[in-house]
Amino acid sequence: MGRLRYCFFKFWCLLDPIYFLCSRLEYVRDKENNRDIFRVRLTKYKGREIILSDGTKIKKNDLLLKIHLHNVYLMKELNRFKSEIQKGRYIYSKTEKGLPNIVQYLRNHSQFHNVKGIIGITILNKGSERLGFETFSIQNPFYKWYKLLTFTPMYLIIQYRFDSLKRPPKYLMMSKEKLLKLYG
């Protein structure tokens, strides 16, 4: 890792615990009670109405479980790999292994019956359909720009190519029923 990237990474490591406390995120744990790649929180959806492929309608103020990849953990791990293909496979594998833990988290949550699905925002969305997610463009240009700006430091730490930043951030969504069917 180059010196500048290393400094960015160390700075991010210092900020992450503060971000974690301020964002109301919770760790998802596996069956052995180890932390997972995911951190989550309940959120009220604020975007445009979306109808998922299974017919689930997501409207403004519907309750969703927002999923966040644990970026510091991810950055440490991804720096072991040279190619974007290896990095993509690693993210895919960790996500696939973590989704059953999301199901368990959701089933144990007091708001389980009110949650309509899960949502995430990422520029790392290639292959997400194979995991059961549906991708949707972010319509608000200011929010899209803001999300791209927040993803840029992490992406520069784990990537060597600036052209990869041309991918716009997207919503990833999956209904609760589909999540339970695929990973429950």
Protein backbone atom coordinates (compact mmCIF):
# COMPACT_ATOMS: atom_id res chain seq x y z
CA MET A 1 0.00 0.00 0.00
CA GLY A 2 1.40 3.39 -0.96
CA ARG A 3 2.19 5.93 1.74
CA LEU A 4 -0.72 8.27 0.90
CA ARG A 5 -3.19 5.38 0.75
CA TYR A 6 -1.82 4.08 4.06
CA CYS A 7 -2.38 7.51 5.69
CA PHE A 8 -5.95 7.64 4.35
CA PHE A 9 -6.54 4.14 5.70
CA LYS A 10 -5.19 4.96 9.18
CA PHE A 11 -7.29 8.13 9.28
CA TRP A 12 -10.37 6.12 8.29
CA CYS A 13 -9.61 3.60 11.05
CA LEU A 14 -9.59 6.46 13.58
CA LEU A 15 -12.88 7.90 12.32
CA ASP A 16 -14.75 4.61 12.04
CA PRO A 17 -15.60 4.16 15.76
CA ILE A 18 -16.95 7.73 15.87
CA TYR A 19 -19.01 7.13 12.73
CA PHE A 20 -20.29 3.86 14.22
CA LEU A 21 -21.50 5.62 17.38
CA CYS A 22 -23.11 8.53 15.54
CA SER A 23 -24.85 6.41 12.90
CA ARG A 24 -26.77 4.15 15.32
CA LEU A 25 -25.41 1.09 13.51
CA GLU A 26 -25.35 -2.33 15.11
CA TYR A 27 -23.07 -5.21 14.30
CA VAL A 28 -24.55 -8.33 12.81
CA ARG A 29 -23.11 -11.46 14.38
CA ASP A 30 -22.74 -15.00 13.13
CA LYS A 31 -23.76 -18.19 14.97
CA GLU A 32 -20.52 -18.14 16.99
CA ASN A 33 -21.24 -14.51 17.99
CA ASN A 34 -18.40 -13.16 15.82
CA ARG A 35 -18.88 -9.85 14.05
CA ASP A 36 -20.01 -10.10 10.46
CA ILE A 37 -19.10 -7.95 7.46
CA PHE A 38 -22.45 -6.18 7.89
CA ARG A 39 -23.51 -3.39 10.19
CA VAL A 40 -27.19 -2.44 10.13
CA ARG A 41 -29.89 -0.11 11.39
CA LEU A 42 -33.58 0.38 10.82
CA THR A 43 -34.48 3.29 8.58
CA LYS A 44 -37.53 4.85 7.03
CA TYR A 45 -37.29 4.87 3.27
CA LYS A 46 -37.25 8.38 1.76
CA GLY A 47 -36.96 7.69 -1.98
CA ARG A 48 -39.46 7.31 -4.79
CA GLU A 49 -41.94 4.42 -4.77
CA ILE A 50 -40.40 1.18 -6.02
CA ILE A 51 -42.06 -2.11 -6.88
CA LEU A 52 -39.74 -5.10 -6.51
CA SER A 53 -39.92 -8.10 -8.83
CA ASP A 54 -41.86 -10.16 -6.27
CA GLY A 55 -44.54 -7.44 -6.12
CA THR A 56 -43.41 -5.85 -2.85
CA LYS A 57 -44.13 -2.12 -2.97
CA ILE A 58 -41.65 0.11 -1.14
CA LYS A 59 -43.12 3.53 -0.42
CA LYS A 60 -41.93 6.63 1.40
CA ASN A 61 -41.64 6.01 5.18
CA ASP A 62 -41.73 2.20 4.88
CA LEU A 63 -39.46 0.55 7.43
CA LEU A 64 -36.37 -1.09 5.95
CA LEU A 65 -33.22 -2.62 7.37
CA LYS A 66 -30.33 -0.59 6.01
CA ILE A 67 -27.23 -2.70 5.48
CA HIS A 68 -23.70 -1.28 5.53
CA LEU A 69 -20.56 -3.17 4.68
CA HIS A 70 -17.98 -2.78 7.43
CA ASN A 71 -15.60 -0.73 5.31
CA VAL A 72 -12.52 -0.73 7.56
CA TYR A 73 -12.64 -4.51 7.82
CA LEU A 74 -13.21 -4.73 4.08
CA MET A 75 -10.32 -2.40 3.25
CA LYS A 76 -7.91 -4.44 5.39
CA GLU A 77 -8.92 -7.62 3.62
CA LEU A 78 -9.08 -6.26 0.07
CA ASN A 79 -5.54 -4.92 0.13
CA ARG A 80 -4.35 -8.55 0.02
CA PHE A 81 -5.65 -8.90 -3.53
CA LYS A 82 -4.10 -7.52 -6.70
CA SER A 83 -6.93 -7.65 -9.22
CA GLU A 84 -10.41 -6.16 -9.17
CA ILE A 85 -11.78 -9.61 -10.04
CA GLN A 86 -10.28 -11.11 -6.87
CA LYS A 87 -11.62 -8.21 -4.82
CA GLY A 88 -15.08 -8.57 -6.35
CA ARG A 89 -15.14 -12.31 -5.65
CA TYR A 90 -14.12 -11.71 -2.05
CA ILE A 91 -16.88 -9.11 -1.50
CA TYR A 92 -19.42 -11.40 -3.17
CA SER A 93 -18.39 -14.36 -1.00
CA LYS A 94 -18.45 -12.39 2.27
CA THR A 95 -21.83 -10.88 1.36
CA GLU A 96 -23.29 -14.27 0.50
CA LYS A 97 -22.04 -15.75 3.79
CA GLY A 98 -23.36 -12.76 5.73
CA LEU A 99 -26.92 -12.68 4.40
CA PRO A 100 -28.10 -15.63 6.57
CA ASN A 101 -26.85 -13.63 9.57
CA ILE A 102 -28.97 -10.69 8.38
CA VAL A 103 -31.98 -13.04 8.37
CA GLN A 104 -31.23 -14.14 11.93
CA TYR A 105 -30.76 -10.53 13.05
CA LEU A 106 -34.06 -9.54 11.46
CA ARG A 107 -35.99 -12.50 12.92
CA ASN A 108 -34.80 -11.56 16.41
CA HIS A 109 -35.65 -7.87 16.01
CA SER A 110 -38.73 -6.46 17.76
CA GLN A 111 -39.76 -4.71 14.51
CA PHE A 112 -39.51 -7.88 12.38
CA HIS A 113 -43.17 -7.78 11.28
CA ASN A 114 -42.98 -4.11 10.27
CA VAL A 115 -39.82 -4.34 8.14
CA LYS A 116 -40.55 -4.62 4.40
CA GLY A 117 -37.05 -5.43 3.21
CA ILE A 118 -33.38 -4.54 3.19
CA ILE A 119 -31.64 -1.67 1.45
CA GLY A 120 -28.06 -0.68 0.82
CA ILE A 121 -26.27 1.93 -1.26
CA THR A 122 -23.05 1.05 -3.04
CA ILE A 123 -20.89 1.44 -6.10
CA LEU A 124 -19.80 -2.17 -5.62
CA ASN A 125 -23.01 -3.57 -7.10
CA LYS A 126 -21.66 -5.83 -9.84
CA GLY A 127 -23.05 -9.34 -9.34
CA SER A 128 -25.56 -8.25 -6.71
CA GLU A 129 -28.48 -9.65 -8.74
CA ARG A 130 -27.06 -13.17 -8.31
CA LEU A 131 -27.37 -12.64 -4.56
CA GLY A 132 -31.05 -11.71 -4.94
CA PHE A 133 -30.75 -7.94 -4.85
CA GLU A 134 -32.40 -5.60 -7.28
CA THR A 135 -30.57 -2.41 -8.22
CA PHE A 136 -32.16 0.98 -8.65
CA SER A 137 -30.67 4.30 -9.71
CA ILE A 138 -30.59 7.13 -7.22
CA GLN A 139 -32.81 9.82 -8.74
CA ASN A 140 -31.79 12.81 -6.63
CA PRO A 141 -28.63 14.21 -8.29
CA PHE A 142 -27.41 15.88 -5.07
CA TYR A 143 -27.79 12.69 -3.04
CA LYS A 144 -26.08 10.67 -5.79
CA TRP A 145 -23.18 13.13 -5.82
CA TYR A 146 -22.99 13.07 -1.99
CA LYS A 147 -22.89 9.25 -1.92
CA LEU A 148 -20.20 9.14 -4.61
CA LEU A 149 -18.16 11.63 -2.61
CA THR A 150 -18.46 9.55 0.57
CA PHE A 151 -17.45 6.35 -1.25
CA THR A 152 -14.43 7.90 -2.99
CA PRO A 153 -11.88 7.73 -0.12
CA MET A 154 -12.58 4.06 0.54
CA TYR A 155 -12.51 3.21 -3.14
CA LEU A 156 -9.19 4.99 -3.65
CA ILE A 157 -7.67 3.02 -0.78
CA ILE A 158 -8.70 -0.38 -2.17
CA GLN A 159 -8.46 0.33 -5.91
CA TYR A 160 -5.67 1.37 -8.19
CA ARG A 161 -7.78 2.61 -11.09
CA PHE A 162 -9.60 5.94 -11.05
CA ASP A 163 -11.89 4.91 -13.92
CA SER A 164 -13.69 2.55 -11.52
CA LEU A 165 -15.19 5.63 -9.86
CA LYS A 166 -17.29 6.24 -12.97
CA ARG A 167 -19.82 3.66 -11.72
CA PRO A 168 -22.69 5.57 -10.09
CA PRO A 169 -23.88 4.57 -6.62
CA LYS A 170 -27.09 2.54 -6.65
CA TYR A 171 -29.69 1.33 -4.24
CA LEU A 172 -29.64 -2.41 -3.60
CA MET A 173 -32.98 -3.73 -2.37
CA MET A 174 -34.51 -7.05 -1.48
CA SER A 175 -37.92 -7.74 0.03
CA LYS A 176 -38.06 -9.44 3.42
CA GLU A 177 -39.92 -12.38 1.89
CA LYS A 178 -37.26 -12.93 -0.78
CA LEU A 179 -34.49 -12.60 1.82
CA LEU A 180 -36.16 -15.22 4.02
CA LYS A 181 -36.75 -17.53 1.05
CA LEU A 182 -33.15 -17.32 -0.22
CA TYR A 183 -31.21 -17.15 3.05
CA GLY A 184 -33.59 -18.25 5.83
